[in-house]
């Protein structure tokens, strides 16, 4: 059973890493939105292409608009933090009980 234990532990660590990386990408996108960045810059295009699908879904769910302030990055970061504090430890605990 140690194989399943190690596999689940690796999956949990990979999910934790991917969520952390995505959170930093969202932060980068938020910082880029505060300045007048070149929309044709490959880095800016990457940030927008990677984050826009989830951010647009959150914007559709928000019932209000706060005078041009976009709260969707903050909400998405809170969702990521919840997943990191709930999903990842749950997977690690499941891996420990299997091993």
PDB file of N, CA and C in Angstrom:
ATOM      1  N   UNK A   1       0.802  -1.205   0.000  1.00  0.00           N
ATOM      2  CA  UNK A   1       0.000   0.000   0.000  1.00  0.00           C
ATOM      3  C   UNK A   1       0.843   1.266   0.000  1.00  0.00           C
ATOM      4  N   UNK A   2       2.147   1.117   0.211  1.00  0.00           N
ATOM      5  CA  UNK A   2       2.994   2.306   0.235  1.00  0.00           C
ATOM      6  C   UNK A   2       3.025   3.001  -1.118  1.00  0.00           C
ATOM      7  N   UNK A   3       2.756   2.253  -2.197  1.00  0.00           N
ATOM      8  CA  UNK A   3       2.739   2.867  -3.521  1.00  0.00           C
ATOM      9  C   UNK A   3       1.565   3.839  -3.630  1.00  0.00           C
ATOM     10  N   UNK A   4       0.406   3.429  -3.164  1.00  0.00           N
ATOM     11  CA  UNK A   4      -0.766   4.304  -3.187  1.00  0.00           C
ATOM     12  C   UNK A   4      -0.537   5.497  -2.264  1.00  0.00           C
ATOM     13  N   UNK A   5       0.070   5.242  -1.105  1.00  0.00           N
ATOM     14  CA  UNK A   5       0.388   6.309  -0.163  1.00  0.00           C
ATOM     15  C   UNK A   5       1.291   7.349  -0.818  1.00  0.00           C
ATOM     16  N   UNK A   6       2.372   6.897  -1.427  1.00  0.00           N
ATOM     17  CA  UNK A   6       3.307   7.825  -2.076  1.00  0.00           C
ATOM     18  C   UNK A   6       2.662   8.547  -3.255  1.00  0.00           C
ATOM     19  N   UNK A   7       1.827   7.839  -4.005  1.00  0.00           N
ATOM     20  CA  UNK A   7       1.161   8.461  -5.142  1.00  0.00           C
ATOM     21  C   UNK A   7       0.215   9.566  -4.685  1.00  0.00           C
ATOM     22  N   UNK A   8      -0.589   9.296  -3.660  1.00  0.00           N
ATOM     23  CA  UNK A   8      -1.521  10.318  -3.165  1.00  0.00           C
ATOM     24  C   UNK A   8      -0.777  11.495  -2.551  1.00  0.00           C
ATOM     25  N   UNK A   9       0.337  11.216  -1.877  1.00  0.00           N
ATOM     26  CA  UNK A   9       1.135  12.298  -1.300  1.00  0.00           C
ATOM     27  C   UNK A   9       1.723  13.163  -2.415  1.00  0.00           C
ATOM     28  N   UNK A  10       2.186  12.531  -3.487  1.00  0.00           N
ATOM     29  CA  UNK A  10       2.729  13.290  -4.621  1.00  0.00           C
ATOM     30  C   UNK A  10       1.643  14.115  -5.299  1.00  0.00           C
ATOM     31  N   UNK A  11       0.456  13.554  -5.441  1.00  0.00           N
ATOM     32  CA  UNK A  11      -0.665  14.298  -6.030  1.00  0.00           C
ATOM     33  C   UNK A  11      -1.008  15.504  -5.171  1.00  0.00           C
ATOM     34  N   UNK A  12      -1.038  15.319  -3.854  1.00  0.00           N
ATOM     35  CA  UNK A  12      -1.351  16.432  -2.948  1.00  0.00           C
ATOM     36  C   UNK A  12      -0.305  17.537  -3.063  1.00  0.00           C
ATOM     37  N   UNK A  13       0.961  17.160  -3.121  1.00  0.00           N
ATOM     38  CA  UNK A  13       2.021  18.166  -3.243  1.00  0.00           C
ATOM     39  C   UNK A  13       1.965  18.862  -4.597  1.00  0.00           C
ATOM     40  N   UNK A  14       1.648  18.121  -5.645  1.00  0.00           N
ATOM     41  CA  UNK A  14       1.528  18.723  -6.973  1.00  0.00           C
ATOM     42  C   UNK A  14       0.365  19.708  -7.020  1.00  0.00           C
ATOM     43  N   UNK A  15      -0.766  19.335  -6.447  1.00  0.00           N
ATOM     44  CA  UNK A  15      -1.915  20.243  -6.399  1.00  0.00           C
ATOM     45  C   UNK A  15      -1.569  21.495  -5.612  1.00  0.00           C
ATOM     46  N   UNK A  16      -0.866  21.327  -4.489  1.00  0.00           N
ATOM     47  CA  UNK A  16      -0.464  22.474  -3.678  1.00  0.00           C
ATOM     48  C   UNK A  16       0.453  23.401  -4.475  1.00  0.00           C
ATOM     49  N   UNK A  17       1.407  22.833  -5.209  1.00  0.00           N
ATOM     50  CA  UNK A  17       2.317  23.644  -6.019  1.00  0.00           C
ATOM     51  C   UNK A  17       1.566  24.376  -7.129  1.00  0.00           C
ATOM     52  N   UNK A  18       0.682  23.672  -7.823  1.00  0.00           N
ATOM     53  CA  UNK A  18      -0.059  24.295  -8.921  1.00  0.00           C
ATOM     54  C   UNK A  18      -0.980  25.405  -8.421  1.00  0.00           C
ATOM     55  N   UNK A  19      -1.611  25.194  -7.274  1.00  0.00           N
ATOM     56  CA  UNK A  19      -2.467  26.236  -6.711  1.00  0.00           C
ATOM     57  C   UNK A  19      -1.646  27.456  -6.301  1.00  0.00           C
ATOM     58  N   UNK A  20      -0.465  27.224  -5.720  1.00  0.00           N
ATOM     59  CA  UNK A  20       0.404  28.348  -5.346  1.00  0.00           C
ATOM     60  C   UNK A  20       0.871  29.111  -6.582  1.00  0.00           C
ATOM     61  N   UNK A  21       1.270  28.387  -7.610  1.00  0.00           N
ATOM     62  CA  UNK A  21       1.722  29.041  -8.836  1.00  0.00           C
ATOM     63  C   UNK A  21       0.591  29.845  -9.467  1.00  0.00           C
ATOM     64  N   UNK A  22      -0.610  29.283  -9.482  1.00  0.00           N
ATOM     65  CA  UNK A  22      -1.749  29.996 -10.066  1.00  0.00           C
ATOM     66  C   UNK A  22      -2.106  31.229  -9.249  1.00  0.00           C
ATOM     67  N   UNK A  23      -1.945  31.136  -7.935  1.00  0.00           N
ATOM     68  CA  UNK A  23      -2.216  32.301  -7.098  1.00  0.00           C
ATOM     69  C   UNK A  23      -1.238  33.427  -7.432  1.00  0.00           C
ATOM     70  N   UNK A  24       0.026  33.098  -7.644  1.00  0.00           N
ATOM     71  CA  UNK A  24       1.001  34.135  -8.010  1.00  0.00           C
ATOM     72  C   UNK A  24       0.728  34.695  -9.403  1.00  0.00           C
ATOM     73  N   UNK A  25       0.215  33.868 -10.296  1.00  0.00           N
ATOM     74  CA  UNK A  25      -0.166  34.357 -11.624  1.00  0.00           C
ATOM     75  C   UNK A  25      -1.320  35.345 -11.501  1.00  0.00           C
ATOM     76  N   UNK A  26      -2.279  35.055 -10.629  1.00  0.00           N
ATOM     77  CA  UNK A  26      -3.398  35.981 -10.412  1.00  0.00           C
ATOM     78  C   UNK A  26      -2.898  37.291  -9.816  1.00  0.00           C
ATOM     79  N   UNK A  27      -1.975  37.208  -8.871  1.00  0.00           N
ATOM     80  CA  UNK A  27      -1.405  38.426  -8.281  1.00  0.00           C
ATOM     81  C   UNK A  27      -0.681  39.231  -9.352  1.00  0.00           C
ATOM     82  N   UNK A  28       0.068  38.547 -10.215  1.00  0.00           N
ATOM     83  CA  UNK A  28       0.740  39.240 -11.317  1.00  0.00           C
ATOM     84  C   UNK A  28      -0.249  39.908 -12.247  1.00  0.00           C
ATOM     85  N   UNK A  29      -1.340  39.234 -12.514  1.00  0.00           N
ATOM     86  CA  UNK A  29      -2.379  39.829 -13.366  1.00  0.00           C
ATOM     87  C   UNK A  29      -2.979  41.069 -12.716  1.00  0.00           C
ATOM     88  N   UNK A  30      -3.210  41.015 -11.413  1.00  0.00           N
ATOM     89  CA  UNK A  30      -3.772  42.170 -10.710  1.00  0.00           C
ATOM     90  C   UNK A  30      -2.801  43.344 -10.745  1.00  0.00           C
ATOM     91  N   UNK A  31      -1.528  43.080 -10.547  1.00  0.00           N
ATOM     92  CA  UNK A  31      -0.526  44.154 -10.590  1.00  0.00           C
ATOM     93  C   UNK A  31      -0.446  44.744 -11.991  1.00  0.00           C
ATOM     94  N   UNK A  32      -0.470  43.888 -13.005  1.00  0.00           N
ATOM     95  CA  UNK A  32      -0.418  44.359 -14.392  1.00  0.00           C
ATOM     96  C   UNK A  32      -1.634  45.230 -14.710  1.00  0.00           C
ATOM     97  N   UNK A  33      -2.780  44.915 -14.115  1.00  0.00           N
ATOM     98  CA  UNK A  33      -3.984  45.696 -14.417  1.00  0.00           C
ATOM     99  C   UNK A  33      -3.923  47.106 -13.832  1.00  0.00           C
ATOM    100  N   UNK A  34      -3.058  47.339 -12.863  1.00  0.00           N
ATOM    101  CA  UNK A  34      -2.943  48.668 -12.257  1.00  0.00           C
ATOM    102  C   UNK A  34      -2.105  49.618 -13.096  1.00  0.00           C
ATOM    103  N   UNK A  35      -1.268  49.073 -13.974  1.00  0.00           N
ATOM    104  CA  UNK A  35      -0.408  49.910 -14.819  1.00  0.00           C
ATOM    105  C   UNK A  35      -0.874  49.791 -16.260  1.00  0.00           C
ATOM    106  N   UNK A  36      -0.381  50.660 -17.082  1.00  0.00           N
ATOM    107  CA  UNK A  36      -0.746  50.640 -18.492  1.00  0.00           C
ATOM    108  C   UNK A  36       0.219  49.717 -19.237  1.00  0.00           C
ATOM    109  N   UNK A  37      -0.033  48.413 -19.150  1.00  0.00           N
ATOM    110  CA  UNK A  37       0.848  47.429 -19.771  1.00  0.00           C
ATOM    111  C   UNK A  37       0.508  47.259 -21.244  1.00  0.00           C
ATOM    112  N   UNK A  38       1.514  46.898 -22.016  1.00  0.00           N
ATOM    113  CA  UNK A  38       1.330  46.651 -23.443  1.00  0.00           C
ATOM    114  C   UNK A  38       0.519  45.367 -23.628  1.00  0.00           C
ATOM    115  N   UNK A  39      -0.670  45.429 -24.214  1.00  0.00           N
ATOM    116  CA  UNK A  39      -1.488  44.216 -24.352  1.00  0.00           C
ATOM    117  C   UNK A  39      -0.908  43.201 -25.337  1.00  0.00           C
ATOM    118  N   UNK A  40       0.077  43.599 -26.120  1.00  0.00           N
ATOM    119  CA  UNK A  40       0.692  42.676 -27.074  1.00  0.00           C
ATOM    120  C   UNK A  40       1.951  42.023 -26.522  1.00  0.00           C
ATOM    121  N   UNK A  41       2.341  42.386 -25.318  1.00  0.00           N
ATOM    122  CA  UNK A  41       3.483  41.759 -24.670  1.00  0.00           C
ATOM    123  C   UNK A  41       3.133  40.298 -24.380  1.00  0.00           C
ATOM    124  N   UNK A  42       4.027  39.361 -24.703  1.00  0.00           N
ATOM    125  CA  UNK A  42       3.711  37.940 -24.493  1.00  0.00           C
ATOM    126  C   UNK A  42       3.421  37.583 -23.031  1.00  0.00           C
ATOM    127  N   UNK A  43       4.105  38.226 -22.104  1.00  0.00           N
ATOM    128  CA  UNK A  43       3.862  37.938 -20.689  1.00  0.00           C
ATOM    129  C   UNK A  43       2.466  38.404 -20.290  1.00  0.00           C
ATOM    130  N   UNK A  44       2.095  39.597 -20.716  1.00  0.00           N
ATOM    131  CA  UNK A  44       0.771  40.137 -20.397  1.00  0.00           C
ATOM    132  C   UNK A  44      -0.308  39.271 -21.034  1.00  0.00           C
ATOM    133  N   UNK A  45      -0.104  38.869 -22.266  1.00  0.00           N
ATOM    134  CA  UNK A  45      -1.084  38.012 -22.943  1.00  0.00           C
ATOM    135  C   UNK A  45      -1.222  36.674 -22.228  1.00  0.00           C
ATOM    136  N   UNK A  46      -0.091  36.108 -21.788  1.00  0.00           N
ATOM    137  CA  UNK A  46      -0.135  34.844 -21.047  1.00  0.00           C
ATOM    138  C   UNK A  46      -0.939  34.997 -19.757  1.00  0.00           C
ATOM    139  N   UNK A  47      -0.666  36.067 -19.010  1.00  0.00           N
ATOM    140  CA  UNK A  47      -1.380  36.290 -17.748  1.00  0.00           C
ATOM    141  C   UNK A  47      -2.882  36.413 -17.977  1.00  0.00           C
ATOM    142  N   UNK A  48      -3.268  37.146 -19.010  1.00  0.00           N
ATOM    143  CA  UNK A  48      -4.691  37.321 -19.291  1.00  0.00           C
ATOM    144  C   UNK A  48      -5.335  36.025 -19.787  1.00  0.00           C
ATOM    145  N   UNK A  49      -4.647  35.292 -20.654  1.00  0.00           N
ATOM    146  CA  UNK A  49      -5.221  34.060 -21.200  1.00  0.00           C
ATOM    147  C   UNK A  49      -5.382  32.978 -20.141  1.00  0.00           C
ATOM    148  N   UNK A  50      -4.468  32.938 -19.182  1.00  0.00           N
ATOM    149  CA  UNK A  50      -4.520  31.898 -18.160  1.00  0.00           C
ATOM    150  C   UNK A  50      -5.548  32.213 -17.079  1.00  0.00           C
ATOM    151  N   UNK A  51      -5.720  33.484 -16.765  1.00  0.00           N
ATOM    152  CA  UNK A  51      -6.592  33.839 -15.644  1.00  0.00           C
ATOM    153  C   UNK A  51      -8.010  34.234 -16.052  1.00  0.00           C
ATOM    154  N   UNK A  52      -8.199  34.682 -17.257  1.00  0.00           N
ATOM    155  CA  UNK A  52      -9.503  35.224 -17.650  1.00  0.00           C
ATOM    156  C   UNK A  52     -10.654  34.217 -17.579  1.00  0.00           C
ATOM    157  N   UNK A  53     -10.471  32.942 -17.945  1.00  0.00           N
ATOM    158  CA  UNK A  53     -11.622  32.027 -17.871  1.00  0.00           C
ATOM    159  C   UNK A  53     -12.244  31.939 -16.472  1.00  0.00           C
ATOM    160  N   UNK A  54     -11.429  31.804 -15.445  1.00  0.00           N
ATOM    161  CA  UNK A  54     -11.981  31.711 -14.089  1.00  0.00           C
ATOM    162  C   UNK A  54     -12.458  33.057 -13.574  1.00  0.00           C
ATOM    163  N   UNK A  55     -11.710  34.113 -13.876  1.00  0.00           N
ATOM    164  CA  UNK A  55     -12.111  35.434 -13.390  1.00  0.00           C
ATOM    165  C   UNK A  55     -13.425  35.888 -14.025  1.00  0.00           C
ATOM    166  N   UNK A  56     -13.636  35.567 -15.290  1.00  0.00           N
ATOM    167  CA  UNK A  56     -14.894  35.975 -15.936  1.00  0.00           C
ATOM    168  C   UNK A  56     -16.083  35.230 -15.338  1.00  0.00           C
ATOM    169  N   UNK A  57     -15.887  33.969 -14.959  1.00  0.00           N
ATOM    170  CA  UNK A  57     -16.974  33.227 -14.310  1.00  0.00           C
ATOM    171  C   UNK A  57     -17.320  33.834 -12.958  1.00  0.00           C
ATOM    172  N   UNK A  58     -16.304  34.248 -12.227  1.00  0.00           N
ATOM    173  CA  UNK A  58     -16.554  34.867 -10.919  1.00  0.00           C
ATOM    174  C   UNK A  58     -17.252  36.206 -11.108  1.00  0.00           C
ATOM    175  N   UNK A  59     -16.846  36.979 -12.111  1.00  0.00           N
ATOM    176  CA  UNK A  59     -17.501  38.271 -12.372  1.00  0.00           C
ATOM    177  C   UNK A  59     -18.982  38.092 -12.685  1.00  0.00           C
ATOM    178  N   UNK A  60     -19.327  37.020 -13.387  1.00  0.00           N
ATOM    179  CA  UNK A  60     -20.738  36.762 -13.697  1.00  0.00           C
ATOM    180  C   UNK A  60     -21.531  36.430 -12.437  1.00  0.00           C
ATOM    181  N   UNK A  61     -20.883  35.808 -11.465  1.00  0.00           N
ATOM    182  CA  UNK A  61     -21.565  35.424 -10.233  1.00  0.00           C
ATOM    183  C   UNK A  61     -21.703  36.576  -9.247  1.00  0.00           C
ATOM    184  N   UNK A  62     -20.850  37.593  -9.365  1.00  0.00           N
ATOM    185  CA  UNK A  62     -20.920  38.716  -8.432  1.00  0.00           C
ATOM    186  C   UNK A  62     -22.180  39.528  -8.699  1.00  0.00           C
ATOM    187  N   UNK A  63     -22.960  39.793  -7.661  1.00  0.00           N
ATOM    188  CA  UNK A  63     -24.227  40.497  -7.875  1.00  0.00           C
ATOM    189  C   UNK A  63     -24.081  42.008  -7.992  1.00  0.00           C
ATOM    190  N   UNK A  64     -22.894  42.528  -7.766  1.00  0.00           N
ATOM    191  CA  UNK A  64     -22.745  43.981  -7.735  1.00  0.00           C
ATOM    192  C   UNK A  64     -21.409  44.395  -8.345  1.00  0.00           C
ATOM    193  N   UNK A  65     -21.327  45.658  -8.653  1.00  0.00           N
ATOM    194  CA  UNK A  65     -20.085  46.248  -9.139  1.00  0.00           C
ATOM    195  C   UNK A  65     -19.730  47.407  -8.223  1.00  0.00           C
ATOM    196  N   UNK A  66     -18.482  47.479  -7.838  1.00  0.00           N
ATOM    197  CA  UNK A  66     -18.055  48.491  -6.876  1.00  0.00           C
ATOM    198  C   UNK A  66     -17.267  49.602  -7.565  1.00  0.00           C
ATOM    199  N   UNK A  67     -17.886  50.333  -8.431  1.00  0.00           N
ATOM    200  CA  UNK A  67     -17.274  51.507  -9.026  1.00  0.00           C
ATOM    201  C   UNK A  67     -15.973  51.244  -9.755  1.00  0.00           C
ATOM    202  N   UNK A  68     -15.916  50.212 -10.526  1.00  0.00           N
ATOM    203  CA  UNK A  68     -14.728  49.934 -11.312  1.00  0.00           C
ATOM    204  C   UNK A  68     -13.687  49.085 -10.603  1.00  0.00           C
ATOM    205  N   UNK A  69     -13.928  48.703  -9.362  1.00  0.00           N
ATOM    206  CA  UNK A  69     -12.987  47.844  -8.638  1.00  0.00           C
ATOM    207  C   UNK A  69     -13.387  46.394  -8.880  1.00  0.00           C
ATOM    208  N   UNK A  70     -12.434  45.610  -9.354  1.00  0.00           N
ATOM    209  CA  UNK A  70     -12.686  44.211  -9.669  1.00  0.00           C
ATOM    210  C   UNK A  70     -12.266  43.351  -8.475  1.00  0.00           C
ATOM    211  N   UNK A  71     -13.247  42.738  -7.828  1.00  0.00           N
ATOM    212  CA  UNK A  71     -12.972  41.890  -6.677  1.00  0.00           C
ATOM    213  C   UNK A  71     -12.762  40.428  -7.056  1.00  0.00           C
ATOM    214  N   UNK A  72     -12.892  40.090  -8.329  1.00  0.00           N
ATOM    215  CA  UNK A  72     -12.786  38.691  -8.729  1.00  0.00           C
ATOM    216  C   UNK A  72     -11.406  38.088  -8.446  1.00  0.00           C
ATOM    217  N   UNK A  73     -10.279  38.809  -8.619  1.00  0.00           N
ATOM    218  CA  UNK A  73      -8.999  38.193  -8.248  1.00  0.00           C
ATOM    219  C   UNK A  73      -8.912  37.867  -6.758  1.00  0.00           C
ATOM    220  N   UNK A  74      -9.440  38.754  -5.919  1.00  0.00           N
ATOM    221  CA  UNK A  74      -9.398  38.515  -4.483  1.00  0.00           C
ATOM    222  C   UNK A  74     -10.255  37.304  -4.115  1.00  0.00           C
ATOM    223  N   UNK A  75     -11.410  37.175  -4.739  1.00  0.00           N
ATOM    224  CA  UNK A  75     -12.280  36.032  -4.462  1.00  0.00           C
ATOM    225  C   UNK A  75     -11.625  34.739  -4.927  1.00  0.00           C
ATOM    226  N   UNK A  76     -11.004  34.768  -6.101  1.00  0.00           N
ATOM    227  CA  UNK A  76     -10.335  33.573  -6.611  1.00  0.00           C
ATOM    228  C   UNK A  76      -9.152  33.190  -5.728  1.00  0.00           C
ATOM    229  N   UNK A  77      -8.418  34.160  -5.224  1.00  0.00           N
ATOM    230  CA  UNK A  77      -7.308  33.863  -4.314  1.00  0.00           C
ATOM    231  C   UNK A  77      -7.841  33.247  -3.023  1.00  0.00           C
ATOM    232  N   UNK A  78      -8.967  33.726  -2.531  1.00  0.00           N
ATOM    233  CA  UNK A  78      -9.551  33.130  -1.320  1.00  0.00           C
ATOM    234  C   UNK A  78     -10.003  31.694  -1.576  1.00  0.00           C
ATOM    235  N   UNK A  79     -10.535  31.422  -2.762  1.00  0.00           N
ATOM    236  CA  UNK A  79     -10.919  30.050  -3.110  1.00  0.00           C
ATOM    237  C   UNK A  79      -9.682  29.159  -3.160  1.00  0.00           C
ATOM    238  N   UNK A  80      -8.610  29.660  -3.749  1.00  0.00           N
ATOM    239  CA  UNK A  80      -7.365  28.893  -3.814  1.00  0.00           C
ATOM    240  C   UNK A  80      -6.828  28.628  -2.411  1.00  0.00           C
ATOM    241  N   UNK A  81      -6.864  29.633  -1.551  1.00  0.00           N
ATOM    242  CA  UNK A  81      -6.394  29.447  -0.176  1.00  0.00           C
ATOM    243  C   UNK A  81      -7.255  28.422   0.564  1.00  0.00           C
ATOM    244  N   UNK A  82      -8.557  28.431   0.310  1.00  0.00           N
ATOM    245  CA  UNK A  82      -9.426  27.420   0.916  1.00  0.00           C
ATOM    246  C   UNK A  82      -9.041  26.031   0.427  1.00  0.00           C
ATOM    247  N   UNK A  83      -8.830  25.890  -0.880  1.00  0.00           N
ATOM    248  CA  UNK A  83      -8.445  24.583  -1.414  1.00  0.00           C
ATOM    249  C   UNK A  83      -7.111  24.118  -0.848  1.00  0.00           C
ATOM    250  N   UNK A  84      -6.177  25.055  -0.671  1.00  0.00           N
ATOM    251  CA  UNK A  84      -4.884  24.687  -0.104  1.00  0.00           C
ATOM    252  C   UNK A  84      -5.000  24.289   1.365  1.00  0.00           C
ATOM    253  N   UNK A  85      -5.916  24.884   2.078  1.00  0.00           N
ATOM    254  CA  UNK A  85      -6.033  24.556   3.498  1.00  0.00           C
ATOM    255  C   UNK A  85      -7.014  23.419   3.769  1.00  0.00           C
ATOM    256  N   UNK A  86      -7.813  23.026   2.792  1.00  0.00           N
ATOM    257  CA  UNK A  86      -8.759  21.928   2.988  1.00  0.00           C
ATOM    258  C   UNK A  86      -8.426  20.714   2.126  1.00  0.00           C
ATOM    259  N   UNK A  87      -8.335  20.907   0.820  1.00  0.00           N
ATOM    260  CA  UNK A  87      -8.161  19.782  -0.096  1.00  0.00           C
ATOM    261  C   UNK A  87      -6.794  19.117   0.059  1.00  0.00           C
ATOM    262  N   UNK A  88      -5.743  19.910   0.083  1.00  0.00           N
ATOM    263  CA  UNK A  88      -4.389  19.349   0.154  1.00  0.00           C
ATOM    264  C   UNK A  88      -4.172  18.584   1.463  1.00  0.00           C
ATOM    265  N   UNK A  89      -4.493  19.161   2.633  1.00  0.00           N
ATOM    266  CA  UNK A  89      -4.324  18.368   3.861  1.00  0.00           C
ATOM    267  C   UNK A  89      -5.222  17.126   3.909  1.00  0.00           C
ATOM    268  N   UNK A  90      -6.405  17.219   3.312  1.00  0.00           N
ATOM    269  CA  UNK A  90      -7.283  16.050   3.278  1.00  0.00           C
ATOM    270  C   UNK A  90      -6.653  14.932   2.460  1.00  0.00           C
ATOM    271  N   UNK A  91      -6.086  15.277   1.310  1.00  0.00           N
ATOM    272  CA  UNK A  91      -5.405  14.260   0.500  1.00  0.00           C
ATOM    273  C   UNK A  91      -4.203  13.681   1.229  1.00  0.00           C
ATOM    274  N   UNK A  92      -3.451  14.529   1.919  1.00  0.00           N
ATOM    275  CA  UNK A  92      -2.287  14.039   2.669  1.00  0.00           C
ATOM    276  C   UNK A  92      -2.723  13.133   3.812  1.00  0.00           C
ATOM    277  N   UNK A  93      -3.794  13.494   4.491  1.00  0.00           N
ATOM    278  CA  UNK A  93      -4.297  12.656   5.585  1.00  0.00           C
ATOM    279  C   UNK A  93      -4.793  11.317   5.053  1.00  0.00           C
ATOM    280  N   UNK A  94      -5.468  11.342   3.907  1.00  0.00           N
ATOM    281  CA  UNK A  94      -5.915  10.086   3.297  1.00  0.00           C
ATOM    282  C   UNK A  94      -4.723   9.223   2.925  1.00  0.00           C
ATOM    283  N   UNK A  95      -3.664   9.845   2.424  1.00  0.00           N
ATOM    284  CA  UNK A  95      -2.465   9.097   2.064  1.00  0.00           C
ATOM    285  C   UNK A  95      -1.830   8.471   3.299  1.00  0.00           C
ATOM    286  N   UNK A  96      -1.828   9.199   4.405  1.00  0.00           N
ATOM    287  CA  UNK A  96      -1.227   8.669   5.629  1.00  0.00           C
ATOM    288  C   UNK A  96      -2.036   7.490   6.182  1.00  0.00           C
ATOM    289  N   UNK A  97      -3.349   7.542   6.062  1.00  0.00           N
ATOM    290  CA  UNK A  97      -4.157   6.435   6.576  1.00  0.00           C
ATOM    291  C   UNK A  97      -4.044   5.200   5.684  1.00  0.00           C
ATOM    292  N   UNK A  98      -3.742   5.402   4.403  1.00  0.00           N
ATOM    293  CA  UNK A  98      -3.563   4.252   3.509  1.00  0.00           C
ATOM    294  C   UNK A  98      -2.214   3.583   3.718  1.00  0.00           C
ATOM    295  N   UNK A  99      -1.236   4.362   4.165  1.00  0.00           N
ATOM    296  CA  UNK A  99       0.124   3.838   4.303  1.00  0.00           C
ATOM    297  C   UNK A  99       0.307   3.198   5.617  1.00  0.00           C
TER     298      UNK A  99
END
